[in-house]
Structure formats: C-alpha cells, structure tokens
Amino acid sequence: MPSHDGPGFHEHAVEVNRLENRADSLLRESLAAMFDEQPDPIEVIKWKEIYETLEASPTAARTWRT
C-alpha cells in the first residue's frame, strides 16, 4: 500500500480530483447531447449505462486503493 505521506502525493491527489471533475462534466455534456440528438430511446438507455459505468471507474479505483 503506497504511503499517503510520500513526496508528490498531494499533487497526484489534486490531479486525480481534477480528472474526476472533468469526467463528471464530460458525462453531463455527453448525456445532454445524446438526449437532444438521439431519436431512439433504446440507444439512449444503452449509451447512458455505458457512460455512467465509465464515469464511475475512477471513483471505484480511488475507493479501492484507500
């Protein structure tokens, strides 16, 4: 298990947080565009699930390592 006190840990944690926030923004933007542009509700549901699974991955990795 890596030390939380090691050199550079804070900088890495800040970068991970920034990337998670960006992933959240991209998810919201992608879902909004998809609901506006995709006429097939089945396709919307399928892609919504894929997007949400991908967005949850960084959070799951962060939770797993702590």
PDB file of N, CA and C in Angstrom:
ATOM      1  N   MET A   1       0.850  -1.177   0.000  1.00  0.00           N
ATOM      2  CA  MET A   1       0.000   0.000   0.000  1.00  0.00           C
ATOM      3  C   MET A   1       0.893   1.236   0.000  1.00  0.00           C
ATOM      4  N   PRO A   2       0.716   2.172  -0.951  1.00  0.00           N
ATOM      5  CA  PRO A   2       1.560   3.357  -1.008  1.00  0.00           C
ATOM      6  C   PRO A   2       1.325   4.269   0.186  1.00  0.00           C
ATOM      7  N   SER A   3       2.379   4.969   0.560  1.00  0.00           N
ATOM      8  CA  SER A   3       2.274   5.914   1.670  1.00  0.00           C
ATOM      9  C   SER A   3       1.547   7.172   1.212  1.00  0.00           C
ATOM     10  N   HIS A   4       0.666   7.679   2.063  1.00  0.00           N
ATOM     11  CA  HIS A   4      -0.053   8.912   1.764  1.00  0.00           C
ATOM     12  C   HIS A   4       0.776  10.127   2.139  1.00  0.00           C
ATOM     13  N   ASP A   5       1.945   9.896   2.714  1.00  0.00           N
ATOM     14  CA  ASP A   5       2.797  11.000   3.139  1.00  0.00           C
ATOM     15  C   ASP A   5       3.995  11.203   2.214  1.00  0.00           C
ATOM     16  N   GLY A   6       4.120  10.373   1.207  1.00  0.00           N
ATOM     17  CA  GLY A   6       5.289  10.422   0.340  1.00  0.00           C
ATOM     18  C   GLY A   6       5.333  11.685  -0.498  1.00  0.00           C
ATOM     19  N   PRO A   7       6.511  11.940  -1.064  1.00  0.00           N
ATOM     20  CA  PRO A   7       6.668  13.132  -1.903  1.00  0.00           C
ATOM     21  C   PRO A   7       5.762  13.058  -3.134  1.00  0.00           C
ATOM     22  N   GLY A   8       5.098  14.140  -3.391  1.00  0.00           N
ATOM     23  CA  GLY A   8       4.253  14.228  -4.575  1.00  0.00           C
ATOM     24  C   GLY A   8       2.855  13.678  -4.395  1.00  0.00           C
ATOM     25  N   PHE A   9       2.561  13.095  -3.236  1.00  0.00           N
ATOM     26  CA  PHE A   9       1.227  12.503  -3.056  1.00  0.00           C
ATOM     27  C   PHE A   9       0.132  13.545  -3.216  1.00  0.00           C
ATOM     28  N   HIS A  10       0.309  14.692  -2.571  1.00  0.00           N
ATOM     29  CA  HIS A  10      -0.717  15.732  -2.635  1.00  0.00           C
ATOM     30  C   HIS A  10      -0.966  16.178  -4.079  1.00  0.00           C
ATOM     31  N   GLU A  11       0.102  16.368  -4.826  1.00  0.00           N
ATOM     32  CA  GLU A  11      -0.037  16.801  -6.219  1.00  0.00           C
ATOM     33  C   GLU A  11      -0.793  15.763  -7.042  1.00  0.00           C
ATOM     34  N   HIS A  12      -0.501  14.495  -6.795  1.00  0.00           N
ATOM     35  CA  HIS A  12      -1.207  13.432  -7.522  1.00  0.00           C
ATOM     36  C   HIS A  12      -2.680  13.383  -7.128  1.00  0.00           C
ATOM     37  N   ALA A  13      -2.952  13.546  -5.839  1.00  0.00           N
ATOM     38  CA  ALA A  13      -4.341  13.537  -5.375  1.00  0.00           C
ATOM     39  C   ALA A  13      -5.126  14.695  -5.985  1.00  0.00           C
ATOM     40  N   VAL A  14      -4.503  15.867  -6.086  1.00  0.00           N
ATOM     41  CA  VAL A  14      -5.157  17.025  -6.689  1.00  0.00           C
ATOM     42  C   VAL A  14      -5.449  16.759  -8.167  1.00  0.00           C
ATOM     43  N   GLU A  15      -4.499  16.145  -8.859  1.00  0.00           N
ATOM     44  CA  GLU A  15      -4.692  15.844 -10.283  1.00  0.00           C
ATOM     45  C   GLU A  15      -5.803  14.811 -10.479  1.00  0.00           C
ATOM     46  N   VAL A  16      -5.847  13.800  -9.642  1.00  0.00           N
ATOM     47  CA  VAL A  16      -6.910  12.794  -9.724  1.00  0.00           C
ATOM     48  C   VAL A  16      -8.264  13.471  -9.523  1.00  0.00           C
ATOM     49  N   ASN A  17      -8.347  14.344  -8.546  1.00  0.00           N
ATOM     50  CA  ASN A  17      -9.591  15.065  -8.287  1.00  0.00           C
ATOM     51  C   ASN A  17      -9.995  15.916  -9.494  1.00  0.00           C
ATOM     52  N   ARG A  18      -9.031  16.588 -10.103  1.00  0.00           N
ATOM     53  CA  ARG A  18      -9.311  17.408 -11.292  1.00  0.00           C
ATOM     54  C   ARG A  18      -9.854  16.537 -12.427  1.00  0.00           C
ATOM     55  N   LEU A  19      -9.219  15.391 -12.624  1.00  0.00           N
ATOM     56  CA  LEU A  19      -9.658  14.490 -13.693  1.00  0.00           C
ATOM     57  C   LEU A  19     -11.047  13.919 -13.410  1.00  0.00           C
ATOM     58  N   GLU A  20     -11.334  13.600 -12.156  1.00  0.00           N
ATOM     59  CA  GLU A  20     -12.675  13.120 -11.806  1.00  0.00           C
ATOM     60  C   GLU A  20     -13.725  14.193 -12.082  1.00  0.00           C
ATOM     61  N   ASN A  21     -13.406  15.434 -11.743  1.00  0.00           N
ATOM     62  CA  ASN A  21     -14.341  16.528 -12.019  1.00  0.00           C
ATOM     63  C   ASN A  21     -14.559  16.698 -13.511  1.00  0.00           C
ATOM     64  N   ARG A  22     -13.496  16.569 -14.285  1.00  0.00           N
ATOM     65  CA  ARG A  22     -13.620  16.679 -15.745  1.00  0.00           C
ATOM     66  C   ARG A  22     -14.471  15.541 -16.303  1.00  0.00           C
ATOM     67  N   ALA A  23     -14.282  14.337 -15.758  1.00  0.00           N
ATOM     68  CA  ALA A  23     -15.079  13.195 -16.198  1.00  0.00           C
ATOM     69  C   ALA A  23     -16.563  13.429 -15.898  1.00  0.00           C
ATOM     70  N   ASP A  24     -16.851  14.003 -14.732  1.00  0.00           N
ATOM     71  CA  ASP A  24     -18.244  14.325 -14.389  1.00  0.00           C
ATOM     72  C   ASP A  24     -18.836  15.322 -15.389  1.00  0.00           C
ATOM     73  N   SER A  25     -18.061  16.340 -15.729  1.00  0.00           N
ATOM     74  CA  SER A  25     -18.535  17.340 -16.699  1.00  0.00           C
ATOM     75  C   SER A  25     -18.776  16.720 -18.065  1.00  0.00           C
ATOM     76  N   LEU A  26     -17.846  15.892 -18.504  1.00  0.00           N
ATOM     77  CA  LEU A  26     -17.999  15.235 -19.804  1.00  0.00           C
ATOM     78  C   LEU A  26     -19.224  14.329 -19.827  1.00  0.00           C
ATOM     79  N   LEU A  27     -19.478  13.643 -18.721  1.00  0.00           N
ATOM     80  CA  LEU A  27     -20.665  12.794 -18.645  1.00  0.00           C
ATOM     81  C   LEU A  27     -21.926  13.626 -18.810  1.00  0.00           C
ATOM     82  N   ARG A  28     -22.024  14.711 -18.060  1.00  0.00           N
ATOM     83  CA  ARG A  28     -23.221  15.560 -18.159  1.00  0.00           C
ATOM     84  C   ARG A  28     -23.382  16.124 -19.565  1.00  0.00           C
ATOM     85  N   GLU A  29     -22.292  16.598 -20.159  1.00  0.00           N
ATOM     86  CA  GLU A  29     -22.354  17.164 -21.509  1.00  0.00           C
ATOM     87  C   GLU A  29     -22.759  16.101 -22.532  1.00  0.00           C
ATOM     88  N   SER A  30     -22.186  14.914 -22.407  1.00  0.00           N
ATOM     89  CA  SER A  30     -22.481  13.830 -23.352  1.00  0.00           C
ATOM     90  C   SER A  30     -23.926  13.371 -23.238  1.00  0.00           C
ATOM     91  N   LEU A  31     -24.402  13.241 -22.004  1.00  0.00           N
ATOM     92  CA  LEU A  31     -25.792  12.829 -21.825  1.00  0.00           C
ATOM     93  C   LEU A  31     -26.757  13.875 -22.362  1.00  0.00           C
ATOM     94  N   ALA A  32     -26.472  15.134 -22.116  1.00  0.00           N
ATOM     95  CA  ALA A  32     -27.342  16.201 -22.624  1.00  0.00           C
ATOM     96  C   ALA A  32     -27.387  16.172 -24.147  1.00  0.00           C
ATOM     97  N   ALA A  33     -26.223  16.028 -24.783  1.00  0.00           N
ATOM     98  CA  ALA A  33     -26.175  15.983 -26.247  1.00  0.00           C
ATOM     99  C   ALA A  33     -26.908  14.757 -26.773  1.00  0.00           C
ATOM    100  N   MET A  34     -26.732  13.635 -26.104  1.00  0.00           N
ATOM    101  CA  MET A  34     -27.368  12.407 -26.558  1.00  0.00           C
ATOM    102  C   MET A  34     -28.893  12.520 -26.474  1.00  0.00           C
ATOM    103  N   PHE A  35     -29.407  13.065 -25.373  1.00  0.00           N
ATOM    104  CA  PHE A  35     -30.856  13.221 -25.245  1.00  0.00           C
ATOM    105  C   PHE A  35     -31.403  14.189 -26.296  1.00  0.00           C
ATOM    106  N   ASP A  36     -30.610  15.180 -26.683  1.00  0.00           N
ATOM    107  CA  ASP A  36     -31.040  16.136 -27.702  1.00  0.00           C
ATOM    108  C   ASP A  36     -30.986  15.558 -29.112  1.00  0.00           C
ATOM    109  N   GLU A  37     -30.003  14.691 -29.384  1.00  0.00           N
ATOM    110  CA  GLU A  37     -29.711  14.284 -30.754  1.00  0.00           C
ATOM    111  C   GLU A  37     -30.137  12.870 -31.118  1.00  0.00           C
ATOM    112  N   GLN A  38     -30.313  11.978 -30.162  1.00  0.00           N
ATOM    113  CA  GLN A  38     -30.611  10.574 -30.455  1.00  0.00           C
ATOM    114  C   GLN A  38     -32.118  10.331 -30.392  1.00  0.00           C
ATOM    115  N   PRO A  39     -32.719   9.993 -31.534  1.00  0.00           N
ATOM    116  CA  PRO A  39     -34.168   9.776 -31.543  1.00  0.00           C
ATOM    117  C   PRO A  39     -34.594   8.413 -30.972  1.00  0.00           C
ATOM    118  N   ASP A  40     -33.689   7.446 -30.908  1.00  0.00           N
ATOM    119  CA  ASP A  40     -34.029   6.092 -30.463  1.00  0.00           C
ATOM    120  C   ASP A  40     -33.808   5.960 -28.948  1.00  0.00           C
ATOM    121  N   PRO A  41     -34.893   5.825 -28.166  1.00  0.00           N
ATOM    122  CA  PRO A  41     -34.741   5.754 -26.712  1.00  0.00           C
ATOM    123  C   PRO A  41     -33.937   4.541 -26.237  1.00  0.00           C
ATOM    124  N   ILE A  42     -33.962   3.448 -26.966  1.00  0.00           N
ATOM    125  CA  ILE A  42     -33.175   2.267 -26.585  1.00  0.00           C
ATOM    126  C   ILE A  42     -31.679   2.583 -26.680  1.00  0.00           C
ATOM    127  N   GLU A  43     -31.284   3.277 -27.730  1.00  0.00           N
ATOM    128  CA  GLU A  43     -29.881   3.683 -27.869  1.00  0.00           C
ATOM    129  C   GLU A  43     -29.469   4.628 -26.738  1.00  0.00           C
ATOM    130  N   VAL A  44     -30.368   5.529 -26.378  1.00  0.00           N
ATOM    131  CA  VAL A  44     -30.084   6.462 -25.278  1.00  0.00           C
ATOM    132  C   VAL A  44     -29.834   5.682 -23.992  1.00  0.00           C
ATOM    133  N   ILE A  45     -30.689   4.723 -23.704  1.00  0.00           N
ATOM    134  CA  ILE A  45     -30.546   3.929 -22.475  1.00  0.00           C
ATOM    135  C   ILE A  45     -29.235   3.145 -22.493  1.00  0.00           C
ATOM    136  N   LYS A  46     -28.909   2.511 -23.610  1.00  0.00           N
ATOM    137  CA  LYS A  46     -27.671   1.731 -23.698  1.00  0.00           C
ATOM    138  C   LYS A  46     -26.443   2.613 -23.467  1.00  0.00           C
ATOM    139  N   TRP A  47     -26.373   3.733 -24.172  1.00  0.00           N
ATOM    140  CA  TRP A  47     -25.202   4.605 -24.046  1.00  0.00           C
ATOM    141  C   TRP A  47     -25.145   5.295 -22.695  1.00  0.00           C
ATOM    142  N   LYS A  48     -26.288   5.593 -22.122  1.00  0.00           N
ATOM    143  CA  LYS A  48     -26.312   6.186 -20.780  1.00  0.00           C
ATOM    144  C   LYS A  48     -25.665   5.232 -19.784  1.00  0.00           C
ATOM    145  N   GLU A  49     -25.987   3.952 -19.864  1.00  0.00           N
ATOM    146  CA  GLU A  49     -25.385   2.951 -18.977  1.00  0.00           C
ATOM    147  C   GLU A  49     -23.880   2.850 -19.188  1.00  0.00           C
ATOM    148  N   ILE A  50     -23.458   2.860 -20.441  1.00  0.00           N
ATOM    149  CA  ILE A  50     -22.022   2.791 -20.747  1.00  0.00           C
ATOM    150  C   ILE A  50     -21.307   4.013 -20.182  1.00  0.00           C
ATOM    151  N   TYR A  51     -21.836   5.197 -20.433  1.00  0.00           N
ATOM    152  CA  TYR A  51     -21.217   6.425 -19.932  1.00  0.00           C
ATOM    153  C   TYR A  51     -21.126   6.432 -18.415  1.00  0.00           C
ATOM    154  N   GLU A  52     -22.202   6.025 -17.749  1.00  0.00           N
ATOM    155  CA  GLU A  52     -22.211   6.047 -16.290  1.00  0.00           C
ATOM    156  C   GLU A  52     -21.235   5.020 -15.711  1.00  0.00           C
ATOM    157  N   THR A  53     -21.089   3.876 -16.361  1.00  0.00           N
ATOM    158  CA  THR A  53     -20.122   2.876 -15.914  1.00  0.00           C
ATOM    159  C   THR A  53     -18.702   3.410 -16.064  1.00  0.00           C
ATOM    160  N   LEU A  54     -18.423   4.034 -17.191  1.00  0.00           N
ATOM    161  CA  LEU A  54     -17.085   4.600 -17.400  1.00  0.00           C
ATOM    162  C   LEU A  54     -16.797   5.724 -16.409  1.00  0.00           C
ATOM    163  N   GLU A  55     -17.777   6.546 -16.131  1.00  0.00           N
ATOM    164  CA  GLU A  55     -17.578   7.661 -15.214  1.00  0.00           C
ATOM    165  C   GLU A  55     -17.326   7.161 -13.794  1.00  0.00           C
ATOM    166  N   ALA A  56     -17.910   6.039 -13.418  1.00  0.00           N
ATOM    167  CA  ALA A  56     -17.752   5.504 -12.065  1.00  0.00           C
ATOM    168  C   ALA A  56     -16.389   4.847 -11.858  1.00  0.00           C
ATOM    169  N   SER A  57     -15.690   4.508 -12.915  1.00  0.00           N
ATOM    170  CA  SER A  57     -14.424   3.788 -12.793  1.00  0.00           C
ATOM    171  C   SER A  57     -13.366   4.524 -11.975  1.00  0.00           C
ATOM    172  N   PRO A  58     -13.095   5.804 -12.211  1.00  0.00           N
ATOM    173  CA  PRO A  58     -12.076   6.477 -11.390  1.00  0.00           C
ATOM    174  C   PRO A  58     -12.455   6.529  -9.910  1.00  0.00           C
ATOM    175  N   THR A  59     -13.720   6.728  -9.616  1.00  0.00           N
ATOM    176  CA  THR A  59     -14.170   6.758  -8.229  1.00  0.00           C
ATOM    177  C   THR A  59     -13.976   5.392  -7.582  1.00  0.00           C
ATOM    178  N   ALA A  60     -14.304   4.339  -8.299  1.00  0.00           N
ATOM    179  CA  ALA A  60     -14.130   2.987  -7.771  1.00  0.00           C
ATOM    180  C   ALA A  60     -12.653   2.695  -7.514  1.00  0.00           C
ATOM    181  N   ALA A  61     -11.794   3.124  -8.412  1.00  0.00           N
ATOM    182  CA  ALA A  61     -10.356   2.901  -8.233  1.00  0.00           C
ATOM    183  C   ALA A  61      -9.845   3.661  -7.015  1.00  0.00           C
ATOM    184  N   ARG A  62     -10.314   4.877  -6.829  1.00  0.00           N
ATOM    185  CA  ARG A  62      -9.876   5.687  -5.677  1.00  0.00           C
ATOM    186  C   ARG A  62     -10.350   5.036  -4.381  1.00  0.00           C
ATOM    187  N   THR A  63     -11.582   4.554  -4.360  1.00  0.00           N
ATOM    188  CA  THR A  63     -12.146   3.919  -3.166  1.00  0.00           C
ATOM    189  C   THR A  63     -11.418   2.623  -2.869  1.00  0.00           C
ATOM    190  N   TRP A  64     -11.080   1.866  -3.895  1.00  0.00           N
ATOM    191  CA  TRP A  64     -10.420   0.576  -3.728  1.00  0.00           C
ATOM    192  C   TRP A  64      -9.043   0.729  -3.120  1.00  0.00           C
ATOM    193  N   ARG A  65      -8.303   1.762  -3.517  1.00  0.00           N
ATOM    194  CA  ARG A  65      -6.913   1.896  -3.065  1.00  0.00           C
ATOM    195  C   ARG A  65      -6.794   2.464  -1.665  1.00  0.00           C
ATOM    196  N   THR A  66      -7.862   3.022  -1.098  1.00  0.00           N
ATOM    197  CA  THR A  66      -7.748   3.595   0.243  1.00  0.00           C
ATOM    198  C   THR A  66      -7.999   2.578   1.316  1.00  0.00           C
TER     199      THR A  66
END
